[in-house]
Amino acid sequence: MHRSRSFPLFVLLFLLSYAATRLQAQRASGEKQMVILDTDIGDDIDDAFAVALALNSSELQILQINSDFGDTPLRSRLLKRFLTAVGRNDILIGTGVRTAAPNIFSQRRYAERGETPAERDAIQSTLDLIRQNPGKITLISIGPCSDIGAMIDKSPATFRQLKRVVMMGGSIYLGGGDLGYAKPHGPDPEWNILQDITGARKLLSSGVPIYMIPLDATQLKFDEVKRELLFRHDSQLTDQLLILYYQWGHQTPTLFDPMAVAFTIDPSLCPVTPLHLVINDKGYTQPTAGPPNVQACLYSNPDAFFRFYMPRVLGQ
């Protein structure tokens, strides 16, 4: 039975400081960041917009994209079709832990027309990549922590060799719909945390530097002006986004997940604050007294984000 272990404050602070220093050095030298994405693509549309940003960001070396949560084999087929359409069959696809899922797989028809990728277990293959590149890989988590929990269970020591985890998840002070125009109603149980509370708790106690991008900083509305500009661009990438957008079936996307990718590339877009967080049984991420176990982004500037996002996805 695996038991989580806590880490001394000075160790966590050292790891966080080292990760930040290393990132600055990489950006100065032009060295690519090795990343693995873990995504529940196919439900909400923001995962596809996050993958698009990663694909069009030369700062990132994408080692693998993992399907996470729910019908992961079908999510892998969606990824295979998407990556094939944009000419990126060089990127490995890992199929994660299959779980029950209460929500609708809105982009199912797109996924069902995709080929099944070569069989590749997301858990084992991610751990293998970490062992081959100790201290070098950023895991970008934009889905529930089902795959992450399985990785920690299988080899907590290997998981600790990650450089960091950048995750979209949590709700610290602001909840869904708290956009700054009215009095906030306060934090909510955020979807990614709520769907696997146990996995999220394992991550917080893993000893890996964690950068949390919560609802407080990710309610980025992709309005009609920006949608028109992107969808009439007519590139291989934007055409796939257009198809997935219409299958999603709603009007205005909120680009929660792309901020996690954007932060990985440019941390100035989402400045962080050290916090000690616990997750209660209802999925609330609550700041409490104690040594910091996350660096959380509590505010972002939507205009700065979209000025970063749009030119990249448009290939400019």
C-alpha atoms as a PDB file:
ATOM      1  CA  MET A   1       0.000   0.000   0.000  1.00  0.00           C
ATOM      2  CA  HIS A   2       1.458   3.333  -0.998  1.00  0.00           C
ATOM      3  CA  ARG A   3       1.519   6.013   1.674  1.00  0.00           C
ATOM      4  CA  SER A   4       2.087   9.622   0.766  1.00  0.00           C
ATOM      5  CA  ARG A   5       4.978  11.376   2.460  1.00  0.00           C
ATOM      6  CA  SER A   6       5.353  15.036   3.218  1.00  0.00           C
ATOM      7  CA  PHE A   7       8.482  16.979   2.362  1.00  0.00           C
ATOM      8  CA  PRO A   8      10.329  19.547   4.476  1.00  0.00           C
ATOM      9  CA  LEU A   9       9.621  23.166   3.590  1.00  0.00           C
ATOM     10  CA  PHE A  10      13.218  23.882   2.594  1.00  0.00           C
ATOM     11  CA  VAL A  11      13.170  21.007   0.090  1.00  0.00           C
ATOM     12  CA  LEU A  12       9.980  22.245  -1.580  1.00  0.00           C
ATOM     13  CA  LEU A  13      11.234  25.834  -1.687  1.00  0.00           C
ATOM     14  CA  PHE A  14      14.522  24.686  -3.202  1.00  0.00           C
ATOM     15  CA  LEU A  15      12.731  22.666  -5.892  1.00  0.00           C
ATOM     16  CA  LEU A  16      10.455  25.571  -6.781  1.00  0.00           C
ATOM     17  CA  SER A  17      13.370  27.999  -6.920  1.00  0.00           C
ATOM     18  CA  TYR A  18      15.436  25.603  -9.017  1.00  0.00           C
ATOM     19  CA  ALA A  19      12.571  25.075 -11.468  1.00  0.00           C
ATOM     20  CA  ALA A  20      12.104  28.822 -11.904  1.00  0.00           C
ATOM     21  CA  THR A  21      15.831  29.419 -12.389  1.00  0.00           C
ATOM     22  CA  ARG A  22      16.078  26.571 -14.865  1.00  0.00           C
ATOM     23  CA  LEU A  23      13.130  27.916 -16.855  1.00  0.00           C
ATOM     24  CA  GLN A  24      14.725  31.368 -17.094  1.00  0.00           C
ATOM     25  CA  ALA A  25      17.945  29.799 -18.338  1.00  0.00           C
ATOM     26  CA  GLN A  26      16.073  27.770 -20.952  1.00  0.00           C
ATOM     27  CA  ARG A  27      14.252  30.815 -22.264  1.00  0.00           C
ATOM     28  CA  ALA A  28      17.483  32.816 -22.443  1.00  0.00           C
ATOM     29  CA  SER A  29      19.280  30.053 -24.354  1.00  0.00           C
ATOM     30  CA  GLY A  30      16.411  29.162 -26.671  1.00  0.00           C
ATOM     31  CA  GLU A  31      16.451  25.588 -25.371  1.00  0.00           C
ATOM     32  CA  LYS A  32      13.139  23.786 -25.859  1.00  0.00           C
ATOM     33  CA  GLN A  33      11.177  22.646 -22.828  1.00  0.00           C
ATOM     34  CA  MET A  34      10.331  18.953 -22.801  1.00  0.00           C
ATOM     35  CA  VAL A  35       6.632  18.561 -22.048  1.00  0.00           C
ATOM     36  CA  ILE A  36       4.003  15.847 -21.781  1.00  0.00           C
ATOM     37  CA  LEU A  37       0.337  16.850 -21.947  1.00  0.00           C
ATOM     38  CA  ASP A  38      -2.343  14.961 -20.047  1.00  0.00           C
ATOM     39  CA  THR A  39      -5.771  15.889 -21.414  1.00  0.00           C
ATOM     40  CA  ASP A  40      -9.440  14.885 -21.296  1.00  0.00           C
ATOM     41  CA  ILE A  41      -9.934  16.271 -24.783  1.00  0.00           C
ATOM     42  CA  GLY A  42     -13.348  15.682 -26.336  1.00  0.00           C
ATOM     43  CA  ASP A  43     -15.738  17.023 -23.690  1.00  0.00           C
ATOM     44  CA  ASP A  44     -15.309  20.773 -23.238  1.00  0.00           C
ATOM     45  CA  ILE A  45     -13.621  22.478 -26.183  1.00  0.00           C
ATOM     46  CA  ASP A  46     -10.828  24.228 -24.290  1.00  0.00           C
ATOM     47  CA  ASP A  47      -8.564  21.157 -24.359  1.00  0.00           C
ATOM     48  CA  ALA A  48      -8.395  21.333 -28.155  1.00  0.00           C
ATOM     49  CA  PHE A  49      -7.482  25.016 -27.987  1.00  0.00           C
ATOM     50  CA  ALA A  50      -4.769  24.164 -25.438  1.00  0.00           C
ATOM     51  CA  VAL A  51      -3.302  21.425 -27.635  1.00  0.00           C
ATOM     52  CA  ALA A  52      -3.338  23.858 -30.576  1.00  0.00           C
ATOM     53  CA  LEU A  53      -1.311  26.386 -28.597  1.00  0.00           C
ATOM     54  CA  ALA A  54       1.239  23.752 -27.617  1.00  0.00           C
ATOM     55  CA  LEU A  55       1.591  22.561 -31.218  1.00  0.00           C
ATOM     56  CA  ASN A  56       2.279  26.093 -32.475  1.00  0.00           C
ATOM     57  CA  SER A  57       4.778  27.035 -29.760  1.00  0.00           C
ATOM     58  CA  SER A  58       8.361  26.454 -30.819  1.00  0.00           C
ATOM     59  CA  GLU A  59       9.557  26.685 -27.204  1.00  0.00           C
ATOM     60  CA  LEU A  60       8.023  23.284 -26.466  1.00  0.00           C
ATOM     61  CA  GLN A  61       9.242  19.817 -27.370  1.00  0.00           C
ATOM     62  CA  ILE A  62       6.111  17.710 -26.997  1.00  0.00           C
ATOM     63  CA  LEU A  63       7.250  14.210 -26.092  1.00  0.00           C
ATOM     64  CA  GLN A  64       3.776  12.722 -25.727  1.00  0.00           C
ATOM     65  CA  ILE A  65       0.103  13.581 -25.321  1.00  0.00           C
ATOM     66  CA  ASN A  66      -1.878  11.359 -22.952  1.00  0.00           C
ATOM     67  CA  SER A  67      -5.619  10.804 -23.034  1.00  0.00           C
ATOM     68  CA  ASP A  68      -7.076  11.103 -19.541  1.00  0.00           C
ATOM     69  CA  PHE A  69     -10.397  10.333 -17.835  1.00  0.00           C
ATOM     70  CA  GLY A  70     -13.512   8.593 -19.117  1.00  0.00           C
ATOM     71  CA  ASP A  71     -13.296   6.787 -22.473  1.00  0.00           C
ATOM     72  CA  THR A  72      -9.554   7.221 -22.936  1.00  0.00           C
ATOM     73  CA  PRO A  73      -9.265   4.925 -25.998  1.00  0.00           C
ATOM     74  CA  LEU A  74     -11.758   7.148 -27.824  1.00  0.00           C
ATOM     75  CA  ARG A  75      -9.928  10.276 -26.688  1.00  0.00           C
ATOM     76  CA  SER A  76      -6.749   8.751 -28.122  1.00  0.00           C
ATOM     77  CA  ARG A  77      -8.518   8.308 -31.466  1.00  0.00           C
ATOM     78  CA  LEU A  78      -9.527  11.977 -31.354  1.00  0.00           C
ATOM     79  CA  LEU A  79      -5.915  12.944 -30.721  1.00  0.00           C
ATOM     80  CA  LYS A  80      -4.758  10.693 -33.560  1.00  0.00           C
ATOM     81  CA  ARG A  81      -7.149  12.318 -36.035  1.00  0.00           C
ATOM     82  CA  PHE A  82      -6.263  15.820 -34.844  1.00  0.00           C
ATOM     83  CA  LEU A  83      -2.501  15.291 -34.968  1.00  0.00           C
ATOM     84  CA  THR A  84      -2.685  13.556 -38.347  1.00  0.00           C
ATOM     85  CA  ALA A  85      -4.725  16.415 -39.804  1.00  0.00           C
ATOM     86  CA  VAL A  86      -2.162  19.013 -38.724  1.00  0.00           C
ATOM     87  CA  GLY A  87       0.843  16.955 -39.827  1.00  0.00           C
ATOM     88  CA  ARG A  88       2.129  16.028 -36.376  1.00  0.00           C
ATOM     89  CA  ASN A  89       2.248  12.245 -36.410  1.00  0.00           C
ATOM     90  CA  ASP A  90       5.680  12.543 -34.808  1.00  0.00           C
ATOM     91  CA  ILE A  91       4.008  13.077 -31.416  1.00  0.00           C
ATOM     92  CA  LEU A  92       3.374   9.933 -29.387  1.00  0.00           C
ATOM     93  CA  ILE A  93      -0.101   9.282 -27.960  1.00  0.00           C
ATOM     94  CA  GLY A  94      -0.514   7.502 -24.634  1.00  0.00           C
ATOM     95  CA  THR A  95      -3.852   6.029 -23.591  1.00  0.00           C
ATOM     96  CA  GLY A  96      -4.592   6.654 -19.940  1.00  0.00           C
ATOM     97  CA  VAL A  97      -6.693   5.064 -17.232  1.00  0.00           C
ATOM     98  CA  ARG A  98     -10.267   4.427 -18.344  1.00  0.00           C
ATOM     99  CA  THR A  99     -12.780   5.665 -15.775  1.00  0.00           C
ATOM    100  CA  ALA A 100     -16.473   6.329 -15.362  1.00  0.00           C
ATOM    101  CA  ALA A 101     -17.435   9.813 -16.565  1.00  0.00           C
ATOM    102  CA  PRO A 102     -20.653  11.699 -15.773  1.00  0.00           C
ATOM    103  CA  ASN A 103     -20.401  14.157 -18.659  1.00  0.00           C
ATOM    104  CA  ILE A 104     -21.077  14.032 -22.402  1.00  0.00           C
ATOM    105  CA  PHE A 105     -18.273  13.267 -24.875  1.00  0.00           C
ATOM    106  CA  SER A 106     -19.382  16.134 -27.110  1.00  0.00           C
ATOM    107  CA  GLN A 107     -16.816  15.544 -29.872  1.00  0.00           C
ATOM    108  CA  ARG A 108     -17.488  11.801 -30.133  1.00  0.00           C
ATOM    109  CA  ARG A 109     -18.289  11.836 -33.860  1.00  0.00           C
ATOM    110  CA  TYR A 110     -14.947  13.475 -34.672  1.00  0.00           C
ATOM    111  CA  ALA A 111     -13.147  10.923 -32.487  1.00  0.00           C
ATOM    112  CA  GLU A 112     -14.948   7.913 -33.969  1.00  0.00           C
ATOM    113  CA  ARG A 113     -13.631   8.825 -37.422  1.00  0.00           C
ATOM    114  CA  GLY A 114     -10.084   8.781 -36.121  1.00  0.00           C
ATOM    115  CA  GLU A 115      -7.751   5.805 -36.401  1.00  0.00           C
ATOM    116  CA  THR A 116      -6.750   3.912 -33.298  1.00  0.00           C
ATOM    117  CA  PRO A 117      -3.146   4.906 -32.507  1.00  0.00           C
ATOM    118  CA  ALA A 118      -0.445   2.370 -31.776  1.00  0.00           C
ATOM    119  CA  GLU A 119      -1.055   0.819 -28.377  1.00  0.00           C
ATOM    120  CA  ARG A 120       0.857   2.795 -25.769  1.00  0.00           C
ATOM    121  CA  ASP A 121       0.043   2.826 -22.071  1.00  0.00           C
ATOM    122  CA  ALA A 122       0.135   6.424 -20.824  1.00  0.00           C
ATOM    123  CA  ILE A 123       1.176   5.504 -17.301  1.00  0.00           C
ATOM    124  CA  GLN A 124       4.135   3.265 -18.081  1.00  0.00           C
ATOM    125  CA  SER A 125       5.336   5.255 -21.090  1.00  0.00           C
ATOM    126  CA  THR A 126       5.253   8.555 -19.168  1.00  0.00           C
ATOM    127  CA  LEU A 127       7.245   7.034 -16.317  1.00  0.00           C
ATOM    128  CA  ASP A 128       9.742   5.662 -18.856  1.00  0.00           C
ATOM    129  CA  LEU A 129      10.156   9.105 -20.425  1.00  0.00           C
ATOM    130  CA  ILE A 130      10.706  10.649 -16.987  1.00  0.00           C
ATOM    131  CA  ARG A 131      13.400   8.065 -16.181  1.00  0.00           C
ATOM    132  CA  GLN A 132      15.108   8.809 -19.481  1.00  0.00           C
ATOM    133  CA  ASN A 133      15.024  12.575 -18.839  1.00  0.00           C
ATOM    134  CA  PRO A 134      15.263  13.072 -15.060  1.00  0.00           C
ATOM    135  CA  GLY A 135      14.549  16.626 -13.922  1.00  0.00           C
ATOM    136  CA  LYS A 136      13.778  17.824 -17.460  1.00  0.00           C
ATOM    137  CA  ILE A 137      10.107  17.148 -18.170  1.00  0.00           C
ATOM    138  CA  THR A 138       7.149  19.400 -17.404  1.00  0.00           C
ATOM    139  CA  LEU A 139       3.874  17.514 -17.140  1.00  0.00           C
ATOM    140  CA  ILE A 140       0.998  19.775 -18.216  1.00  0.00           C
ATOM    141  CA  SER A 141      -2.183  18.432 -16.666  1.00  0.00           C
ATOM    142  CA  ILE A 142      -5.416  19.800 -18.143  1.00  0.00           C
ATOM    143  CA  GLY A 143      -7.782  17.069 -17.018  1.00  0.00           C
ATOM    144  CA  PRO A 144      -8.622  15.209 -13.813  1.00  0.00           C
ATOM    145  CA  CYS A 145      -5.735  13.581 -11.946  1.00  0.00           C
ATOM    146  CA  SER A 146      -6.604   9.960 -12.818  1.00  0.00           C
ATOM    147  CA  ASP A 147      -3.447   9.321 -14.855  1.00  0.00           C
ATOM    148  CA  ILE A 148      -1.317  11.236 -12.370  1.00  0.00           C
ATOM    149  CA  GLY A 149      -2.645   9.234  -9.434  1.00  0.00           C
ATOM    150  CA  ALA A 150      -1.856   5.994 -11.285  1.00  0.00           C
ATOM    151  CA  MET A 151       1.689   7.188 -12.050  1.00  0.00           C
ATOM    152  CA  ILE A 152       2.310   8.044  -8.396  1.00  0.00           C
ATOM    153  CA  ASP A 153       0.918   4.687  -7.273  1.00  0.00           C
ATOM    154  CA  LYS A 154       3.138   2.832  -9.726  1.00  0.00           C
ATOM    155  CA  SER A 155       6.383   4.673  -9.040  1.00  0.00           C
ATOM    156  CA  PRO A 156       6.350   7.679  -6.700  1.00  0.00           C
ATOM    157  CA  ALA A 157      10.144   7.946  -6.896  1.00  0.00           C
ATOM    158  CA  THR A 158      10.078   8.205 -10.682  1.00  0.00           C
ATOM    159  CA  PHE A 159       7.233  10.723 -10.601  1.00  0.00           C
ATOM    160  CA  ARG A 160       9.362  12.927  -8.311  1.00  0.00           C
ATOM    161  CA  GLN A 161      11.924  13.164 -11.126  1.00  0.00           C
ATOM    162  CA  LEU A 162       9.612  15.479 -13.048  1.00  0.00           C
ATOM    163  CA  LYS A 163      10.842  19.049 -13.301  1.00  0.00           C
ATOM    164  CA  ARG A 164       7.361  20.276 -12.397  1.00  0.00           C
ATOM    165  CA  VAL A 165       3.651  19.832 -12.944  1.00  0.00           C
ATOM    166  CA  VAL A 166       1.644  22.706 -14.415  1.00  0.00           C
ATOM    167  CA  MET A 167      -2.027  21.988 -13.833  1.00  0.00           C
ATOM    168  CA  MET A 168      -5.300  23.628 -14.712  1.00  0.00           C
ATOM    169  CA  GLY A 169      -7.375  22.953 -11.641  1.00  0.00           C
ATOM    170  CA  GLY A 170      -8.739  24.296  -8.405  1.00  0.00           C
ATOM    171  CA  SER A 171     -10.727  27.298  -7.286  1.00  0.00           C
ATOM    172  CA  ILE A 172      -9.022  29.306  -4.561  1.00  0.00           C
ATOM    173  CA  TYR A 173     -10.923  32.539  -3.994  1.00  0.00           C
ATOM    174  CA  LEU A 174     -13.070  32.861  -7.135  1.00  0.00           C
ATOM    175  CA  GLY A 175     -15.530  30.378  -8.586  1.00  0.00           C
ATOM    176  CA  GLY A 176     -17.207  29.811 -11.912  1.00  0.00           C
ATOM    177  CA  GLY A 177     -18.759  33.002 -13.256  1.00  0.00           C
ATOM    178  CA  ASP A 178     -16.740  35.270 -10.970  1.00  0.00           C
ATOM    179  CA  LEU A 179     -15.519  37.552 -13.753  1.00  0.00           C
ATOM    180  CA  GLY A 180     -14.998  40.760 -11.768  1.00  0.00           C
ATOM    181  CA  TYR A 181     -18.206  42.461 -12.883  1.00  0.00           C
ATOM    182  CA  ALA A 182     -20.212  41.696  -9.746  1.00  0.00           C
ATOM    183  CA  LYS A 183     -19.585  40.552  -6.195  1.00  0.00           C
ATOM    184  CA  PRO A 184     -17.938  37.113  -6.376  1.00  0.00           C
ATOM    185  CA  HIS A 185     -19.789  34.157  -4.947  1.00  0.00           C
ATOM    186  CA  GLY A 186     -16.541  32.489  -3.943  1.00  0.00           C
ATOM    187  CA  PRO A 187     -14.772  29.207  -4.728  1.00  0.00           C
ATOM    188  CA  ASP A 188     -16.412  26.145  -6.243  1.00  0.00           C
ATOM    189  CA  PRO A 189     -15.417  22.486  -6.440  1.00  0.00           C
ATOM    190  CA  GLU A 190     -13.535  22.755  -9.743  1.00  0.00           C
ATOM    191  CA  TRP A 191     -14.190  19.983 -12.305  1.00  0.00           C
ATOM    192  CA  ASN A 192     -10.669  18.568 -12.699  1.00  0.00           C
ATOM    193  CA  ILE A 193     -10.171  18.307  -8.948  1.00  0.00           C
ATOM    194  CA  LEU A 194     -13.681  17.051  -8.217  1.00  0.00           C
ATOM    195  CA  GLN A 195     -13.535  14.162 -10.699  1.00  0.00           C
ATOM    196  CA  ASP A 196     -10.554  12.571  -8.928  1.00  0.00           C
ATOM    197  CA  ILE A 197     -10.051  14.013  -5.466  1.00  0.00           C
ATOM    198  CA  THR A 198      -7.811  11.120  -4.453  1.00  0.00           C
ATOM    199  CA  GLY A 199      -5.501  11.604  -7.431  1.00  0.00           C
ATOM    200  CA  ALA A 200      -5.303  15.357  -6.800  1.00  0.00           C
ATOM    201  CA  ARG A 201      -4.393  14.764  -3.159  1.00  0.00           C
ATOM    202  CA  LYS A 202      -1.649  12.377  -4.215  1.00  0.00           C
ATOM    203  CA  LEU A 203      -0.261  15.059  -6.514  1.00  0.00           C
ATOM    204  CA  LEU A 204      -0.213  17.702  -3.763  1.00  0.00           C
ATOM    205  CA  SER A 205       1.797  15.392  -1.508  1.00  0.00           C
ATOM    206  CA  SER A 206       4.083  14.044  -4.246  1.00  0.00           C
ATOM    207  CA  GLY A 207       7.042  16.348  -3.623  1.00  0.00           C
ATOM    208  CA  VAL A 208       7.048  17.612  -7.232  1.00  0.00           C
ATOM    209  CA  PRO A 209       6.941  21.409  -7.777  1.00  0.00           C
ATOM    210  CA  ILE A 210       3.318  22.191  -8.643  1.00  0.00           C
ATOM    211  CA  TYR A 211       2.084  25.268 -10.468  1.00  0.00           C
ATOM    212  CA  MET A 212      -1.694  25.489 -10.177  1.00  0.00           C
ATOM    213  CA  ILE A 213      -3.698  27.558 -12.652  1.00  0.00           C
ATOM    214  CA  PRO A 214      -7.188  27.704 -11.058  1.00  0.00           C
ATOM    215  CA  LEU A 215     -10.535  29.232 -11.965  1.00  0.00           C
ATOM    216  CA  ASP A 216      -9.297  32.480 -10.415  1.00  0.00           C
ATOM    217  CA  ALA A 217      -7.130  33.071 -13.514  1.00  0.00           C
ATOM    218  CA  THR A 218      -8.636  30.988 -16.315  1.00  0.00           C
ATOM    219  CA  GLN A 219     -12.112  32.325 -17.081  1.00  0.00           C
ATOM    220  CA  LEU A 220     -10.976  33.624 -20.441  1.00  0.00           C
ATOM    221  CA  LYS A 221     -13.930  34.145 -22.755  1.00  0.00           C
ATOM    222  CA  PHE A 222     -13.233  33.457 -26.428  1.00  0.00           C
ATOM    223  CA  ASP A 223     -15.651  35.998 -27.863  1.00  0.00           C
ATOM    224  CA  GLU A 224     -17.184  36.208 -31.346  1.00  0.00           C
ATOM    225  CA  VAL A 225     -14.617  38.693 -32.666  1.00  0.00           C
ATOM    226  CA  LYS A 226     -11.723  36.384 -31.846  1.00  0.00           C
ATOM    227  CA  ARG A 227     -13.631  33.318 -33.043  1.00  0.00           C
ATOM    228  CA  GLU A 228     -14.311  34.885 -36.430  1.00  0.00           C
ATOM    229  CA  LEU A 229     -10.664  35.868 -36.837  1.00  0.00           C
ATOM    230  CA  LEU A 230      -9.476  32.378 -35.993  1.00  0.00           C
ATOM    231  CA  PHE A 231     -12.087  30.313 -37.822  1.00  0.00           C
ATOM    232  CA  ARG A 232     -11.775  32.166 -41.145  1.00  0.00           C
ATOM    233  CA  HIS A 233      -8.001  31.815 -41.062  1.00  0.00           C
ATOM    234  CA  ASP A 234      -8.238  28.479 -42.932  1.00  0.00           C
ATOM    235  CA  SER A 235      -5.147  26.620 -41.802  1.00  0.00           C
ATOM    236  CA  GLN A 236      -4.974  22.895 -41.101  1.00  0.00           C
ATOM    237  CA  LEU A 237      -4.969  23.669 -37.383  1.00  0.00           C
ATOM    238  CA  THR A 238      -7.770  26.222 -37.280  1.00  0.00           C
ATOM    239  CA  ASP A 239      -9.948  24.042 -39.528  1.00  0.00           C
ATOM    240  CA  GLN A 240      -9.779  21.223 -36.976  1.00  0.00           C
ATOM    241  CA  LEU A 241     -10.633  23.640 -34.189  1.00  0.00           C
ATOM    242  CA  LEU A 242     -13.630  24.829 -36.203  1.00  0.00           C
ATOM    243  CA  ILE A 243     -14.963  21.275 -36.613  1.00  0.00           C
ATOM    244  CA  LEU A 244     -14.506  20.494 -32.930  1.00  0.00           C
ATOM    245  CA  TYR A 245     -16.073  23.804 -31.905  1.00  0.00           C
ATOM    246  CA  TYR A 246     -19.269  23.047 -33.806  1.00  0.00           C
ATOM    247  CA  GLN A 247     -19.434  19.507 -32.454  1.00  0.00           C
ATOM    248  CA  TRP A 248     -19.043  20.926 -28.944  1.00  0.00           C
ATOM    249  CA  GLY A 249     -22.334  22.663 -29.588  1.00  0.00           C
ATOM    250  CA  HIS A 250     -22.144  25.834 -27.496  1.00  0.00           C
ATOM    251  CA  GLN A 251     -21.436  29.447 -28.357  1.00  0.00           C
ATOM    252  CA  THR A 252     -18.672  31.054 -26.286  1.00  0.00           C
ATOM    253  CA  PRO A 253     -15.785  28.864 -25.115  1.00  0.00           C
ATOM    254  CA  THR A 254     -13.912  29.621 -21.930  1.00  0.00           C
ATOM    255  CA  LEU A 255     -10.221  28.913 -22.471  1.00  0.00           C
ATOM    256  CA  PHE A 256      -9.404  27.469 -19.054  1.00  0.00           C
ATOM    257  CA  ASP A 257      -6.827  24.930 -20.209  1.00  0.00           C
ATOM    258  CA  PRO A 258      -4.819  27.054 -22.664  1.00  0.00           C
ATOM    259  CA  MET A 259      -3.626  29.233 -19.786  1.00  0.00           C
ATOM    260  CA  ALA A 260      -1.754  26.258 -18.339  1.00  0.00           C
ATOM    261  CA  VAL A 261       0.098  25.854 -21.646  1.00  0.00           C
ATOM    262  CA  ALA A 262       0.655  29.611 -21.925  1.00  0.00           C
ATOM    263  CA  PHE A 263       2.085  29.744 -18.394  1.00  0.00           C
ATOM    264  CA  THR A 264       4.482  26.915 -19.242  1.00  0.00           C
ATOM    265  CA  ILE A 265       5.858  29.039 -22.070  1.00  0.00           C
ATOM    266  CA  ASP A 266       5.661  32.486 -20.445  1.00  0.00           C
ATOM    267  CA  PRO A 267       5.114  32.555 -16.651  1.00  0.00           C
ATOM    268  CA  SER A 268       4.664  36.334 -16.692  1.00  0.00           C
ATOM    269  CA  LEU A 269       1.165  35.749 -18.096  1.00  0.00           C
ATOM    270  CA  CYS A 270       0.034  34.259 -14.796  1.00  0.00           C
ATOM    271  CA  PRO A 271       2.159  35.343 -11.782  1.00  0.00           C
ATOM    272  CA  VAL A 272       2.036  32.860  -8.922  1.00  0.00           C
ATOM    273  CA  THR A 273       1.668  32.996  -5.149  1.00  0.00           C
ATOM    274  CA  PRO A 274       2.940  30.273  -2.781  1.00  0.00           C
ATOM    275  CA  LEU A 275       0.097  28.589  -0.898  1.00  0.00           C
ATOM    276  CA  HIS A 276      -0.517  25.568   1.259  1.00  0.00           C
ATOM    277  CA  LEU A 277      -3.633  23.909  -0.142  1.00  0.00           C
ATOM    278  CA  VAL A 278      -5.726  21.011   1.070  1.00  0.00           C
ATOM    279  CA  ILE A 279      -8.580  19.356  -0.806  1.00  0.00           C
ATOM    280  CA  ASN A 280     -11.655  18.530   1.208  1.00  0.00           C
ATOM    281  CA  ASP A 281     -14.054  15.681   0.520  1.00  0.00           C
ATOM    282  CA  LYS A 282     -16.286  17.924  -1.618  1.00  0.00           C
ATOM    283  CA  GLY A 283     -13.450  18.902  -3.953  1.00  0.00           C
ATOM    284  CA  TYR A 284     -12.753  22.394  -2.631  1.00  0.00           C
ATOM    285  CA  THR A 285      -9.102  23.505  -2.814  1.00  0.00           C
ATOM    286  CA  GLN A 286      -8.676  25.372   0.454  1.00  0.00           C
ATOM    287  CA  PRO A 287      -5.713  27.548   1.491  1.00  0.00           C
ATOM    288  CA  THR A 288      -4.610  26.753   5.031  1.00  0.00           C
ATOM    289  CA  ALA A 289      -1.661  27.407   7.309  1.00  0.00           C
ATOM    290  CA  GLY A 290       1.404  25.378   6.492  1.00  0.00           C
ATOM    291  CA  PRO A 291       4.417  25.207   4.200  1.00  0.00           C
ATOM    292  CA  PRO A 292       3.626  25.969   0.532  1.00  0.00           C
ATOM    293  CA  ASN A 293       2.838  22.920  -1.577  1.00  0.00           C
ATOM    294  CA  VAL A 294       1.758  24.830  -4.700  1.00  0.00           C
ATOM    295  CA  GLN A 295       2.487  28.005  -6.564  1.00  0.00           C
ATOM    296  CA  ALA A 296      -0.973  29.255  -7.573  1.00  0.00           C
ATOM    297  CA  CYS A 297      -1.891  31.884 -10.150  1.00  0.00           C
ATOM    298  CA  LEU A 298      -4.630  34.010  -8.602  1.00  0.00           C
ATOM    299  CA  TYR A 299      -5.017  36.584 -11.378  1.00  0.00           C
ATOM    300  CA  SER A 300      -4.370  36.950 -15.090  1.00  0.00           C
ATOM    301  CA  ASN A 301      -4.921  39.669 -17.665  1.00  0.00           C
ATOM    302  CA  PRO A 302      -7.257  38.354 -20.391  1.00  0.00           C
ATOM    303  CA  ASP A 303      -6.077  40.908 -22.959  1.00  0.00           C
ATOM    304  CA  ALA A 304      -2.431  39.934 -22.422  1.00  0.00           C
ATOM    305  CA  PHE A 305      -3.355  36.268 -22.706  1.00  0.00           C
ATOM    306  CA  PHE A 306      -5.210  36.643 -26.008  1.00  0.00           C
ATOM    307  CA  ARG A 307      -2.471  38.837 -27.462  1.00  0.00           C
ATOM    308  CA  PHE A 308      -0.149  35.928 -26.683  1.00  0.00           C
ATOM    309  CA  TYR A 309      -2.540  33.184 -27.801  1.00  0.00           C
ATOM    310  CA  MET A 310      -4.004  34.437 -31.058  1.00  0.00           C
ATOM    311  CA  PRO A 311      -0.827  35.115 -33.107  1.00  0.00           C
ATOM    312  CA  ARG A 312       0.558  31.714 -32.178  1.00  0.00           C
ATOM    313  CA  VAL A 313      -2.482  29.701 -33.143  1.00  0.00           C
ATOM    314  CA  LEU A 314      -2.787  31.770 -36.330  1.00  0.00           C
ATOM    315  CA  GLY A 315       0.797  30.826 -37.125  1.00  0.00           C
ATOM    316  CA  GLN A 316       2.124  34.359 -36.991  1.00  0.00           C
END
